[in-house]
Structure formats: C-alpha cells, structure tokens
C-alpha cells in the first residue's frame, strides 16, 4: 500500500506523537468495524498503523515522503510543544518543564498500575481543571463523571472538538487526552459532556480511585 498517505489515513498530522497515533488508530478501527466489518478500510488502517507505530519504519517513511518531523515530535511536549530534553525512556513522574503536563504514555502506565489488567470504568464525581491551550491563564472548570485507565467522561461549560488535545488536572491524576466524543450533557451542573482518551497519564500518589479487585 505504499504511495498512500498514512498520516491522512489515521487522521493525524505528520508531527503527531506515538500516543496520539495509537489513540486515533483505535478509534478509527472501532468505527470501521461498526460501519463496514471486514472492509478494505480496516486493511488500510492496519497498514498505516504498522508503519507509523514502528519508529524505524516511520522514520524511513518520513524520509520517503520528504518529512522527518516524527523524530522532532518525540522530543517535545504533546501539549505546549516545548522541548523536554529527555533522551531516555520516560519515567512515570516525568513532566514538561514548561506546562507541567505528564510525558509518560498512558498505555505503559495502564499496565503498571492495573497489574496488566484493564480496569473497568467506575462512577466518580470529582471537580477537575481543564486546559485547552498553552498558555492559558485560567483553566476551565469541569466535573469528572466516570473514570478508567483508558480515559474519563466529564462535563464542562465548553463543547470540545473531536480529536482536540486537552490537559486535565484532578486530585487523582494529571493527564493529556484526546477528545473522543463531545455532546450536550443530559445531567449535571455543566451543559456539555465529553469522553477523553488518555494519551499521557500521571496518577497522584496515594490516589484512591483505582483499587484493583482481588
């Protein structure tokens, strides 16, 4: 399938970091399975993801298409685009020196915190602060409605755009996430709701939201 634009297929920019590519791939595959199970679209998505999820194949592909931005993106913060200067694998507590966003990819963090089990979604009601850009003097207020190690459901005063990147702070966690869906809320103090899929994640020390079941 060479000759296709893998970034367009996965609906990401050429400088998209690996967690965002993974997140978009999962969303698009779920949508394709619903719309046309077994169709050519799934094969296109899998071919694109196989290349863009592998650092060596992606670098070669970027050179072939005249790019090279992937390597640069791997060394900048996903939220504010500041260089983080970290040349090793990210540690759990690594964060951006400018905007304080977590750098640790959510996929690896999920395995560490859940004992290699994906935990179910739990119902919670926590106040949260939401940043939609950097710099931003005052965060948006919102409420976390449900939570898993894959992402959260929340309500807020702003209707987000699909695939928008937001930063979330709460007493339980700090995260960067991709807006998977957004609509009018059916209950609560805020008019809009959204589902956020984690891209990076840092859980608070001593947090009580996740308690793996025996």
N, C-alpha and C. Protein backbone atom coordinates (compact mmCIF):
# COMPACT_ATOMS: atom_id res chain seq x y z
N UNK A 1 0.81 -1.21 0.00
CA UNK A 1 0.00 0.00 0.00
C UNK A 1 0.85 1.27 0.00
N UNK A 2 2.11 1.13 -0.38
CA UNK A 2 2.97 2.30 -0.47
C UNK A 2 2.37 3.29 -1.47
N UNK A 3 2.61 4.55 -1.27
CA UNK A 3 2.04 5.57 -2.10
C UNK A 3 0.86 6.25 -1.44
N UNK A 4 0.27 5.59 -0.43
CA UNK A 4 -0.82 6.19 0.34
C UNK A 4 -0.25 7.09 1.42
N UNK A 5 -1.01 8.08 1.82
CA UNK A 5 -0.59 8.97 2.91
C UNK A 5 -1.09 8.37 4.22
N UNK A 6 -0.20 7.73 4.95
CA UNK A 6 -0.59 7.04 6.17
C UNK A 6 -1.07 8.01 7.24
N UNK A 7 -0.54 9.22 7.24
CA UNK A 7 -0.98 10.20 8.23
C UNK A 7 -2.44 10.61 7.97
N UNK A 8 -2.79 10.78 6.69
CA UNK A 8 -4.18 11.11 6.37
C UNK A 8 -5.11 9.96 6.70
N UNK A 9 -4.67 8.74 6.46
CA UNK A 9 -5.49 7.57 6.76
C UNK A 9 -5.82 7.50 8.24
N UNK A 10 -4.83 7.81 9.08
CA UNK A 10 -5.04 7.77 10.53
C UNK A 10 -5.53 9.10 11.09
N UNK A 11 -5.73 10.08 10.21
CA UNK A 11 -6.29 11.37 10.58
C UNK A 11 -5.45 12.07 11.65
N UNK A 12 -4.14 12.07 11.46
CA UNK A 12 -3.21 12.76 12.35
C UNK A 12 -2.25 13.59 11.50
N UNK A 13 -1.60 14.56 12.13
CA UNK A 13 -0.59 15.36 11.46
C UNK A 13 0.74 14.61 11.41
N UNK A 14 1.62 14.96 10.46
CA UNK A 14 2.91 14.27 10.37
C UNK A 14 3.78 14.40 11.61
N UNK A 15 3.53 15.40 12.46
CA UNK A 15 4.32 15.52 13.68
C UNK A 15 3.61 14.90 14.89
N UNK A 16 2.58 14.11 14.65
CA UNK A 16 1.82 13.51 15.76
C UNK A 16 2.70 12.56 16.56
N UNK A 17 2.68 12.64 17.90
CA UNK A 17 3.45 11.71 18.72
C UNK A 17 2.80 10.33 18.73
N UNK A 18 3.57 9.34 19.14
CA UNK A 18 3.12 7.95 19.10
C UNK A 18 1.81 7.70 19.85
N UNK A 19 1.61 8.28 21.06
CA UNK A 19 0.34 8.01 21.75
C UNK A 19 -0.88 8.50 20.98
N UNK A 20 -0.76 9.62 20.28
CA UNK A 20 -1.88 10.13 19.51
C UNK A 20 -2.17 9.24 18.30
N UNK A 21 -1.13 8.74 17.66
CA UNK A 21 -1.31 7.82 16.54
C UNK A 21 -2.03 6.56 17.00
N UNK A 22 -1.62 6.02 18.13
CA UNK A 22 -2.25 4.83 18.67
C UNK A 22 -3.72 5.09 19.00
N UNK A 23 -3.99 6.22 19.62
CA UNK A 23 -5.35 6.57 20.00
C UNK A 23 -6.26 6.72 18.79
N UNK A 24 -5.78 7.43 17.77
CA UNK A 24 -6.58 7.63 16.56
C UNK A 24 -6.82 6.32 15.84
N UNK A 25 -5.81 5.47 15.79
CA UNK A 25 -5.95 4.15 15.16
C UNK A 25 -7.06 3.34 15.84
N UNK A 26 -7.05 3.29 17.15
CA UNK A 26 -8.06 2.52 17.87
C UNK A 26 -9.46 3.05 17.59
N UNK A 27 -9.60 4.37 17.60
CA UNK A 27 -10.92 4.97 17.36
C UNK A 27 -11.41 4.66 15.95
N UNK A 28 -10.53 4.79 14.96
CA UNK A 28 -10.93 4.58 13.58
C UNK A 28 -11.23 3.12 13.29
N UNK A 29 -10.50 2.21 13.93
CA UNK A 29 -10.80 0.78 13.74
C UNK A 29 -12.15 0.43 14.33
N UNK A 30 -12.45 0.95 15.52
CA UNK A 30 -13.76 0.69 16.11
C UNK A 30 -14.87 1.22 15.20
N UNK A 31 -14.66 2.39 14.63
CA UNK A 31 -15.67 2.97 13.75
C UNK A 31 -15.82 2.13 12.48
N UNK A 32 -14.69 1.68 11.93
CA UNK A 32 -14.74 0.88 10.70
C UNK A 32 -15.41 -0.46 10.94
N UNK A 33 -15.17 -1.07 12.08
CA UNK A 33 -15.81 -2.34 12.40
C UNK A 33 -17.32 -2.20 12.50
N UNK A 34 -17.75 -1.05 12.97
CA UNK A 34 -19.19 -0.80 13.07
C UNK A 34 -19.81 -0.51 11.71
N UNK A 35 -19.11 0.29 10.91
CA UNK A 35 -19.67 0.73 9.62
C UNK A 35 -19.56 -0.33 8.53
N UNK A 36 -18.41 -1.00 8.46
CA UNK A 36 -18.19 -1.97 7.37
C UNK A 36 -17.24 -3.07 7.83
N UNK A 37 -17.73 -4.00 8.66
CA UNK A 37 -16.88 -5.08 9.19
C UNK A 37 -16.17 -5.84 8.06
N UNK A 38 -14.85 -5.99 8.23
CA UNK A 38 -14.09 -6.75 7.26
C UNK A 38 -13.78 -6.02 5.97
N UNK A 39 -14.07 -4.72 5.90
CA UNK A 39 -13.88 -3.97 4.67
C UNK A 39 -12.45 -3.57 4.43
N UNK A 40 -12.24 -2.94 3.27
CA UNK A 40 -10.90 -2.50 2.89
C UNK A 40 -10.37 -1.41 3.82
N UNK A 41 -11.27 -0.66 4.44
CA UNK A 41 -10.84 0.44 5.31
C UNK A 41 -10.00 -0.08 6.47
N UNK A 42 -10.38 -1.22 7.03
CA UNK A 42 -9.61 -1.78 8.15
C UNK A 42 -8.21 -2.16 7.69
N UNK A 43 -8.10 -2.73 6.50
CA UNK A 43 -6.78 -3.09 5.97
C UNK A 43 -5.92 -1.85 5.78
N UNK A 44 -6.51 -0.76 5.32
CA UNK A 44 -5.77 0.49 5.15
C UNK A 44 -5.30 1.01 6.50
N UNK A 45 -6.16 0.96 7.50
CA UNK A 45 -5.79 1.43 8.83
C UNK A 45 -4.67 0.59 9.42
N UNK A 46 -4.76 -0.71 9.25
CA UNK A 46 -3.73 -1.60 9.81
C UNK A 46 -2.39 -1.38 9.11
N UNK A 47 -2.42 -1.18 7.80
CA UNK A 47 -1.17 -0.93 7.07
C UNK A 47 -0.53 0.37 7.52
N UNK A 48 -1.35 1.41 7.68
CA UNK A 48 -0.82 2.70 8.12
C UNK A 48 -0.26 2.60 9.53
N UNK A 49 -0.99 1.93 10.42
CA UNK A 49 -0.54 1.84 11.81
C UNK A 49 0.73 1.00 11.93
N UNK A 50 0.84 -0.05 11.13
CA UNK A 50 2.03 -0.90 11.19
C UNK A 50 3.29 -0.10 10.92
N UNK A 51 3.20 0.88 10.03
CA UNK A 51 4.36 1.71 9.70
C UNK A 51 4.57 2.82 10.72
N UNK A 52 3.50 3.55 11.03
CA UNK A 52 3.66 4.73 11.89
C UNK A 52 3.87 4.39 13.35
N UNK A 53 3.53 3.19 13.77
CA UNK A 53 3.74 2.79 15.17
C UNK A 53 5.12 2.23 15.41
N UNK A 54 5.87 1.96 14.35
CA UNK A 54 7.22 1.44 14.47
C UNK A 54 8.22 2.57 14.18
N UNK A 55 9.04 2.95 15.16
CA UNK A 55 9.92 4.11 14.98
C UNK A 55 10.82 4.03 13.76
N UNK A 56 11.40 2.84 13.49
CA UNK A 56 12.30 2.72 12.35
C UNK A 56 11.54 2.81 11.03
N UNK A 57 10.39 2.11 10.95
CA UNK A 57 9.61 2.19 9.72
C UNK A 57 9.06 3.59 9.50
N UNK A 58 8.68 4.24 10.58
CA UNK A 58 8.13 5.60 10.44
C UNK A 58 9.20 6.56 9.97
N UNK A 59 10.41 6.44 10.51
CA UNK A 59 11.50 7.32 10.09
C UNK A 59 11.79 7.13 8.60
N UNK A 60 11.81 5.87 8.15
CA UNK A 60 12.06 5.60 6.74
C UNK A 60 10.93 6.16 5.87
N UNK A 61 9.70 6.01 6.36
CA UNK A 61 8.55 6.52 5.61
C UNK A 61 8.59 8.04 5.52
N UNK A 62 8.96 8.69 6.62
CA UNK A 62 9.05 10.16 6.61
C UNK A 62 10.10 10.64 5.63
N UNK A 63 11.22 9.93 5.57
CA UNK A 63 12.25 10.31 4.61
C UNK A 63 11.75 10.13 3.18
N UNK A 64 10.99 9.05 2.97
CA UNK A 64 10.47 8.75 1.64
C UNK A 64 9.48 9.82 1.18
N UNK A 65 8.68 10.33 2.12
CA UNK A 65 7.67 11.33 1.74
C UNK A 65 8.18 12.76 1.93
N UNK A 66 9.47 12.89 2.29
CA UNK A 66 10.06 14.22 2.41
C UNK A 66 9.85 14.85 3.76
N UNK A 67 9.55 14.02 4.77
CA UNK A 67 9.30 14.56 6.10
C UNK A 67 10.50 14.42 7.00
N UNK A 68 10.26 14.08 8.25
CA UNK A 68 11.31 13.98 9.24
C UNK A 68 10.86 14.56 10.54
N UNK A 69 9.57 14.91 10.62
CA UNK A 69 9.05 15.58 11.81
C UNK A 69 8.79 14.63 12.96
N UNK A 70 8.71 13.33 12.69
CA UNK A 70 8.38 12.39 13.77
C UNK A 70 9.44 12.39 14.85
N UNK A 71 10.71 12.41 14.43
CA UNK A 71 11.78 12.40 15.42
C UNK A 71 11.75 13.65 16.27
N UNK A 72 11.43 14.78 15.63
CA UNK A 72 11.35 16.03 16.39
C UNK A 72 10.20 15.99 17.39
N UNK A 73 9.03 15.45 16.97
CA UNK A 73 7.87 15.40 17.84
C UNK A 73 8.13 14.56 19.08
N UNK A 74 8.96 13.52 18.94
CA UNK A 74 9.23 12.64 20.07
C UNK A 74 9.98 13.36 21.18
N UNK A 75 10.57 14.53 20.89
CA UNK A 75 11.37 15.25 21.87
C UNK A 75 10.69 16.53 22.34
N UNK A 76 9.42 16.68 22.07
CA UNK A 76 8.68 17.86 22.51
C UNK A 76 7.43 17.46 23.27
N UNK A 77 6.95 18.35 24.11
CA UNK A 77 5.72 18.12 24.86
C UNK A 77 4.54 18.08 23.91
N UNK A 78 3.67 17.13 24.09
CA UNK A 78 2.49 16.97 23.25
C UNK A 78 1.54 18.16 23.38
N UNK A 79 1.54 18.84 24.53
CA UNK A 79 0.57 19.90 24.76
C UNK A 79 1.09 21.29 24.37
N UNK A 80 2.26 21.66 24.89
CA UNK A 80 2.77 23.02 24.64
C UNK A 80 3.89 23.07 23.61
N UNK A 81 4.35 21.89 23.15
CA UNK A 81 5.38 21.77 22.11
C UNK A 81 6.76 22.21 22.56
N UNK A 82 6.98 22.38 23.86
CA UNK A 82 8.31 22.75 24.35
C UNK A 82 9.23 21.53 24.33
N UNK A 83 10.49 21.69 23.96
CA UNK A 83 11.45 20.57 24.05
C UNK A 83 11.60 20.13 25.50
N UNK A 84 11.56 18.84 25.74
CA UNK A 84 11.69 18.38 27.13
C UNK A 84 13.10 17.93 27.48
N UNK A 85 13.94 17.69 26.48
CA UNK A 85 15.33 17.37 26.73
C UNK A 85 15.60 15.99 27.31
N UNK A 86 14.61 15.11 27.31
CA UNK A 86 14.78 13.77 27.87
C UNK A 86 15.16 12.82 26.75
N UNK A 87 16.33 12.20 26.85
CA UNK A 87 16.82 11.30 25.81
C UNK A 87 16.62 9.83 26.16
N UNK A 88 16.21 9.54 27.38
CA UNK A 88 15.97 8.15 27.81
C UNK A 88 14.48 7.84 27.69
N UNK A 89 14.12 6.59 28.05
CA UNK A 89 12.70 6.24 28.12
C UNK A 89 12.05 7.03 29.25
N UNK A 90 10.82 7.46 29.04
CA UNK A 90 10.14 8.26 30.05
C UNK A 90 9.91 7.47 31.33
N UNK A 91 10.10 8.14 32.46
CA UNK A 91 9.76 7.59 33.76
C UNK A 91 8.36 8.03 34.13
N UNK A 92 7.76 7.35 35.10
CA UNK A 92 6.36 7.58 35.46
C UNK A 92 6.09 9.01 35.88
N UNK A 93 7.05 9.66 36.52
CA UNK A 93 6.82 11.00 37.06
C UNK A 93 7.37 12.12 36.16
N UNK A 94 7.85 11.80 34.98
CA UNK A 94 8.38 12.83 34.09
C UNK A 94 7.27 13.77 33.65
N UNK A 95 7.58 15.05 33.62
CA UNK A 95 6.61 16.04 33.16
C UNK A 95 7.32 17.15 32.40
N UNK A 96 6.56 17.89 31.62
CA UNK A 96 7.11 19.01 30.86
C UNK A 96 7.56 20.11 31.80
N UNK A 97 8.74 20.66 31.55
CA UNK A 97 9.25 21.70 32.41
C UNK A 97 8.53 23.02 32.26
N UNK A 98 7.80 23.21 31.15
CA UNK A 98 7.11 24.48 30.93
C UNK A 98 5.64 24.43 31.38
N UNK A 99 4.87 23.46 30.91
CA UNK A 99 3.44 23.44 31.22
C UNK A 99 3.06 22.40 32.27
N UNK A 100 4.04 21.58 32.71
CA UNK A 100 3.83 20.57 33.76
C UNK A 100 2.94 19.42 33.31
N UNK A 101 2.75 19.27 32.02
CA UNK A 101 1.97 18.13 31.53
C UNK A 101 2.77 16.84 31.70
N UNK A 102 2.11 15.73 32.00
CA UNK A 102 2.83 14.46 32.12
C UNK A 102 3.33 14.01 30.76
N UNK A 103 4.48 13.33 30.73
CA UNK A 103 5.07 12.85 29.50
C UNK A 103 4.95 11.34 29.35
N UNK A 104 4.63 10.65 30.42
CA UNK A 104 4.63 9.19 30.41
C UNK A 104 3.42 8.67 29.63
N UNK A 105 3.61 7.88 28.59
CA UNK A 105 2.49 7.40 27.78
C UNK A 105 1.49 6.59 28.60
N UNK A 106 0.23 6.81 28.35
CA UNK A 106 -0.82 6.16 29.14
C UNK A 106 -0.83 4.65 28.96
N UNK A 107 -0.46 4.15 27.80
CA UNK A 107 -0.51 2.70 27.56
C UNK A 107 0.38 1.95 28.54
N UNK A 108 1.62 2.39 28.68
CA UNK A 108 2.52 1.69 29.60
C UNK A 108 2.11 1.89 31.04
N UNK A 109 1.61 3.07 31.37
CA UNK A 109 1.18 3.35 32.73
C UNK A 109 0.01 2.46 33.10
N UNK A 110 -0.90 2.17 32.15
CA UNK A 110 -2.05 1.34 32.42
C UNK A 110 -1.62 -0.04 32.89
N UNK A 111 -0.61 -0.63 32.22
CA UNK A 111 -0.17 -1.96 32.59
C UNK A 111 0.46 -1.96 33.98
N UNK A 112 1.22 -0.93 34.29
CA UNK A 112 1.89 -0.89 35.58
C UNK A 112 0.91 -0.75 36.73
N UNK A 113 -0.08 0.10 36.58
CA UNK A 113 -0.98 0.38 37.68
C UNK A 113 -2.09 -0.66 37.83
N UNK A 114 -2.44 -1.36 36.77
CA UNK A 114 -3.57 -2.27 36.85
C UNK A 114 -3.15 -3.73 36.93
N UNK A 115 -1.85 -3.98 37.08
CA UNK A 115 -1.41 -5.36 37.16
C UNK A 115 -1.66 -6.12 35.88
N UNK A 116 -1.49 -5.44 34.74
CA UNK A 116 -1.69 -5.99 33.41
C UNK A 116 -3.13 -6.43 33.20
N UNK A 117 -4.07 -5.74 33.84
CA UNK A 117 -5.49 -5.94 33.59
C UNK A 117 -6.11 -4.58 33.31
N UNK A 118 -6.98 -4.51 32.32
CA UNK A 118 -7.67 -3.26 32.05
C UNK A 118 -8.82 -3.13 33.03
N UNK A 119 -8.79 -2.13 33.85
CA UNK A 119 -9.81 -1.96 34.87
C UNK A 119 -11.09 -1.40 34.26
N UNK A 120 -12.22 -1.79 34.84
CA UNK A 120 -13.49 -1.31 34.36
C UNK A 120 -13.70 0.15 34.69
N UNK A 121 -14.66 0.75 34.01
CA UNK A 121 -14.99 2.15 34.26
C UNK A 121 -15.77 2.27 35.56
N UNK A 122 -15.40 3.24 36.39
CA UNK A 122 -16.07 3.45 37.66
C UNK A 122 -16.72 4.82 37.67
N UNK A 123 -17.79 4.94 38.40
CA UNK A 123 -18.51 6.20 38.50
C UNK A 123 -17.90 7.04 39.61
N UNK A 124 -17.54 8.27 39.29
CA UNK A 124 -16.94 9.19 40.26
C UNK A 124 -17.51 10.57 40.04
N UNK A 125 -17.36 11.43 41.02
CA UNK A 125 -17.77 12.83 40.90
C UNK A 125 -16.68 13.69 41.51
N UNK A 126 -15.68 14.06 40.70
CA UNK A 126 -14.57 14.87 41.17
C UNK A 126 -14.52 16.17 40.36
N UNK A 127 -14.27 17.29 41.02
CA UNK A 127 -14.01 18.53 40.27
C UNK A 127 -12.68 18.41 39.53
N UNK A 128 -12.61 18.96 38.35
CA UNK A 128 -11.39 18.92 37.55
C UNK A 128 -11.12 20.29 36.94
N UNK A 129 -9.87 20.51 36.58
CA UNK A 129 -9.46 21.70 35.85
C UNK A 129 -9.02 21.27 34.46
N UNK A 130 -9.39 22.03 33.44
CA UNK A 130 -9.14 21.64 32.06
C UNK A 130 -8.45 22.78 31.32
N UNK A 131 -7.33 22.46 30.68
CA UNK A 131 -6.63 23.41 29.81
C UNK A 131 -6.84 22.97 28.37
N UNK A 132 -7.18 23.90 27.51
CA UNK A 132 -7.37 23.60 26.10
C UNK A 132 -6.26 24.15 25.22
N UNK A 133 -5.40 24.99 25.79
CA UNK A 133 -4.29 25.56 25.04
C UNK A 133 -3.23 26.02 26.03
N UNK A 134 -2.06 26.37 25.47
CA UNK A 134 -0.97 26.89 26.28
C UNK A 134 -0.34 28.08 25.57
N UNK A 135 -0.15 29.19 26.28
CA UNK A 135 -0.53 29.40 27.69
C UNK A 135 -2.03 29.71 27.82
N UNK A 136 -2.55 29.44 29.00
CA UNK A 136 -3.95 29.71 29.34
C UNK A 136 -4.00 30.16 30.79
N UNK A 137 -4.40 31.40 31.02
CA UNK A 137 -4.32 31.98 32.35
C UNK A 137 -5.18 31.24 33.37
N UNK A 138 -6.39 30.91 32.99
CA UNK A 138 -7.32 30.27 33.92
C UNK A 138 -7.90 29.01 33.28
N UNK A 139 -7.79 27.87 33.94
CA UNK A 139 -8.35 26.64 33.36
C UNK A 139 -9.87 26.66 33.40
N UNK A 140 -10.48 25.86 32.54
CA UNK A 140 -11.92 25.66 32.59
C UNK A 140 -12.26 24.76 33.77
N UNK A 141 -13.40 25.00 34.37
CA UNK A 141 -13.88 24.12 35.44
C UNK A 141 -14.73 23.01 34.83
N UNK A 142 -14.69 21.86 35.44
CA UNK A 142 -15.49 20.74 34.98
C UNK A 142 -15.66 19.71 36.08
N UNK A 143 -16.36 18.65 35.75
CA UNK A 143 -16.58 17.56 36.71
C UNK A 143 -16.32 16.23 36.02
N UNK A 144 -15.48 15.41 36.65
CA UNK A 144 -15.27 14.06 36.19
C UNK A 144 -16.49 13.22 36.55
N UNK A 145 -17.03 12.48 35.59
CA UNK A 145 -18.23 11.69 35.83
C UNK A 145 -17.94 10.19 35.92
N UNK A 146 -16.98 9.73 35.13
CA UNK A 146 -16.56 8.33 35.22
C UNK A 146 -15.11 8.24 34.81
N UNK A 147 -14.46 7.15 35.20
CA UNK A 147 -13.02 7.06 35.10
C UNK A 147 -12.58 5.62 34.90
N UNK A 148 -11.65 5.43 33.99
CA UNK A 148 -10.94 4.16 33.86
C UNK A 148 -9.50 4.49 33.50
N UNK A 149 -8.65 3.50 33.41
CA UNK A 149 -7.28 3.77 33.00
C UNK A 149 -7.15 3.98 31.50
N UNK A 150 -8.27 3.86 30.77
CA UNK A 150 -8.28 4.22 29.36
C UNK A 150 -8.61 5.69 29.17
N UNK A 151 -9.43 6.26 30.06
CA UNK A 151 -9.84 7.64 29.89
C UNK A 151 -10.92 8.03 30.88
N UNK A 152 -11.53 9.18 30.65
CA UNK A 152 -12.55 9.66 31.56
C UNK A 152 -13.74 10.22 30.78
N UNK A 153 -14.88 10.26 31.45
CA UNK A 153 -16.02 11.02 30.98
C UNK A 153 -16.15 12.25 31.88
N UNK A 154 -16.47 13.39 31.29
CA UNK A 154 -16.53 14.62 32.06
C UNK A 154 -17.63 15.53 31.53
N UNK A 155 -17.97 16.53 32.33
CA UNK A 155 -18.87 17.59 31.88
C UNK A 155 -18.17 18.92 32.12
N UNK A 156 -18.48 19.90 31.25
CA UNK A 156 -17.85 21.21 31.35
C UNK A 156 -18.72 22.24 30.63
N UNK A 157 -18.28 23.49 30.66
CA UNK A 157 -19.06 24.57 30.06
C UNK A 157 -18.76 24.79 28.59
N UNK A 158 -17.81 24.04 28.03
CA UNK A 158 -17.38 24.23 26.64
C UNK A 158 -17.61 22.96 25.85
N UNK A 159 -18.09 23.10 24.63
CA UNK A 159 -18.24 21.95 23.73
C UNK A 159 -16.92 21.73 23.00
N UNK A 160 -16.25 20.65 23.30
CA UNK A 160 -14.95 20.36 22.69
C UNK A 160 -15.12 19.87 21.26
N UNK A 161 -14.02 19.94 20.51
CA UNK A 161 -13.97 19.42 19.16
C UNK A 161 -13.40 18.00 19.19
N UNK A 162 -13.92 17.08 18.36
CA UNK A 162 -13.33 15.74 18.28
C UNK A 162 -11.85 15.81 17.94
N UNK A 163 -11.06 14.97 18.60
CA UNK A 163 -9.61 14.88 18.43
C UNK A 163 -8.84 16.06 19.02
N UNK A 164 -9.52 16.98 19.68
CA UNK A 164 -8.85 18.08 20.38
C UNK A 164 -8.02 17.51 21.54
N UNK A 165 -6.85 18.08 21.76
CA UNK A 165 -5.99 17.65 22.86
C UNK A 165 -6.21 18.58 24.04
N UNK A 166 -6.50 18.00 25.21
CA UNK A 166 -6.74 18.79 26.42
C UNK A 166 -5.87 18.25 27.54
N UNK A 167 -5.60 19.13 28.50
CA UNK A 167 -4.89 18.71 29.71
C UNK A 167 -5.86 18.75 30.87
N UNK A 168 -5.83 17.74 31.71
CA UNK A 168 -6.77 17.59 32.82
C UNK A 168 -6.01 17.43 34.12
N UNK A 169 -6.42 18.18 35.13
CA UNK A 169 -5.87 18.03 36.48
C UNK A 169 -7.01 17.72 37.44
N UNK A 170 -6.77 16.77 38.33
CA UNK A 170 -7.73 16.48 39.40
C UNK A 170 -6.95 15.98 40.60
N UNK A 171 -7.65 15.67 41.66
CA UNK A 171 -6.96 15.18 42.86
C UNK A 171 -6.40 13.78 42.64
N UNK A 172 -6.91 13.06 41.64
CA UNK A 172 -6.48 11.70 41.40
C UNK A 172 -5.40 11.58 40.33
N UNK A 173 -5.37 12.51 39.40
CA UNK A 173 -4.48 12.34 38.26
C UNK A 173 -4.23 13.65 37.55
N UNK A 174 -3.20 13.62 36.72
CA UNK A 174 -2.92 14.67 35.73
C UNK A 174 -2.72 13.95 34.41
N UNK A 175 -3.33 14.46 33.34
CA UNK A 175 -3.29 13.72 32.08
C UNK A 175 -3.43 14.65 30.89
N UNK A 176 -2.92 14.20 29.77
CA UNK A 176 -3.26 14.76 28.47
C UNK A 176 -4.16 13.75 27.77
N UNK A 177 -5.19 14.24 27.11
CA UNK A 177 -6.11 13.33 26.47
C UNK A 177 -6.63 13.86 25.16
N UNK A 178 -7.14 12.94 24.35
CA UNK A 178 -7.77 13.27 23.07
C UNK A 178 -9.28 13.17 23.23
N UNK A 179 -9.99 14.18 22.74
CA UNK A 179 -11.44 14.16 22.82
C UNK A 179 -11.98 13.13 21.83
N UNK A 180 -12.56 12.06 22.35
CA UNK A 180 -13.12 11.00 21.51
C UNK A 180 -14.52 11.35 21.02
N UNK A 181 -15.30 12.00 21.89
CA UNK A 181 -16.64 12.44 21.50
C UNK A 181 -17.07 13.56 22.44
N UNK A 182 -17.98 14.39 21.97
CA UNK A 182 -18.48 15.51 22.76
C UNK A 182 -19.92 15.79 22.33
N UNK A 183 -20.77 16.11 23.31
CA UNK A 183 -22.17 16.38 23.03
C UNK A 183 -22.78 17.17 24.19
N UNK A 184 -24.04 17.47 24.08
CA UNK A 184 -24.73 18.13 25.18
C UNK A 184 -24.91 17.15 26.33
N UNK A 185 -24.73 17.65 27.53
CA UNK A 185 -24.90 16.81 28.72
C UNK A 185 -26.38 16.61 29.02
N UNK A 186 -26.70 15.48 29.59
CA UNK A 186 -28.08 15.18 29.96
C UNK A 186 -28.35 15.43 31.44
N UNK A 187 -27.29 15.67 32.21
CA UNK A 187 -27.46 15.95 33.63
C UNK A 187 -26.22 16.66 34.15
N UNK A 188 -26.32 17.18 35.38
CA UNK A 188 -25.18 17.84 35.99
C UNK A 188 -25.22 19.35 35.87
N UNK A 189 -24.20 19.99 36.45
CA UNK A 189 -24.17 21.45 36.51
C UNK A 189 -23.64 22.09 35.24
N UNK A 190 -23.03 21.29 34.34
CA UNK A 190 -22.43 21.85 33.13
C UNK A 190 -23.20 21.39 31.90
N UNK A 191 -23.23 22.23 30.86
CA UNK A 191 -24.09 21.93 29.71
C UNK A 191 -23.55 20.91 28.71
N UNK A 192 -22.25 20.62 28.75
CA UNK A 192 -21.67 19.74 27.75
C UNK A 192 -20.92 18.58 28.41
N UNK A 193 -20.86 17.47 27.71
CA UNK A 193 -20.13 16.31 28.18
C UNK A 193 -19.14 15.86 27.11
N UNK A 194 -18.14 15.10 27.53
CA UNK A 194 -17.13 14.62 26.59
C UNK A 194 -16.50 13.34 27.12
N UNK A 195 -16.04 12.53 26.21
CA UNK A 195 -15.24 11.36 26.55
C UNK A 195 -13.81 11.61 26.13
N UNK A 196 -12.88 11.44 27.05
CA UNK A 196 -11.47 11.74 26.81
C UNK A 196 -10.66 10.46 26.89
N UNK A 197 -9.89 10.17 25.86
CA UNK A 197 -9.00 9.02 25.87
C UNK A 197 -7.59 9.49 26.25
N UNK A 198 -7.02 8.88 27.30
CA UNK A 198 -5.72 9.32 27.78
C UNK A 198 -4.62 9.09 26.74
N UNK A 199 -3.75 10.08 26.61
CA UNK A 199 -2.52 9.95 25.83
C UNK A 199 -1.32 9.81 26.74
N UNK A 200 -1.24 10.68 27.74
CA UNK A 200 -0.23 10.56 28.79
C UNK A 200 -0.96 10.62 30.13
N UNK A 201 -0.33 10.06 31.16
CA UNK A 201 -1.05 9.93 32.43
C UNK A 201 -0.07 9.87 33.59
N UNK A 202 -0.42 10.62 34.65
CA UNK A 202 0.33 10.53 35.90
C UNK A 202 -0.68 10.48 37.03
N UNK A 203 -0.71 9.37 37.74
CA UNK A 203 -1.63 9.22 38.86
C UNK A 203 -1.03 9.83 40.11
N UNK A 204 -1.88 10.43 40.93
CA UNK A 204 -1.43 11.07 42.16
C UNK A 204 -0.99 10.00 43.15
N UNK A 205 0.04 10.32 43.92
CA UNK A 205 0.50 9.42 44.97
C UNK A 205 -0.61 9.25 46.00
N UNK A 206 -0.94 8.00 46.31
CA UNK A 206 -1.97 7.74 47.31
C UNK A 206 -3.37 7.90 46.79
N UNK A 207 -3.53 8.03 45.46
CA UNK A 207 -4.88 8.17 44.90
C UNK A 207 -5.73 6.94 45.20
N UNK A 208 -7.01 7.17 45.39
CA UNK A 208 -7.90 6.07 45.80
C UNK A 208 -8.87 5.64 44.71
N UNK A 209 -8.85 6.29 43.56
CA UNK A 209 -9.84 5.98 42.55
C UNK A 209 -9.66 4.56 41.99
N UNK A 210 -8.39 4.12 41.86
CA UNK A 210 -8.15 2.81 41.30
C UNK A 210 -7.68 1.86 42.40
N UNK A 211 -8.47 0.88 42.66
CA UNK A 211 -8.13 -0.15 43.64
C UNK A 211 -8.41 -1.49 42.98
N UNK A 212 -7.41 -2.12 42.38
CA UNK A 212 -7.63 -3.37 41.66
C UNK A 212 -8.37 -4.39 42.52
N UNK A 213 -9.37 -5.00 41.90
CA UNK A 213 -10.15 -6.01 42.62
C UNK A 213 -9.37 -7.31 42.71
N UNK A 214 -9.57 -7.96 43.82
CA UNK A 214 -8.88 -9.24 44.02
C UNK A 214 -9.56 -10.33 43.18
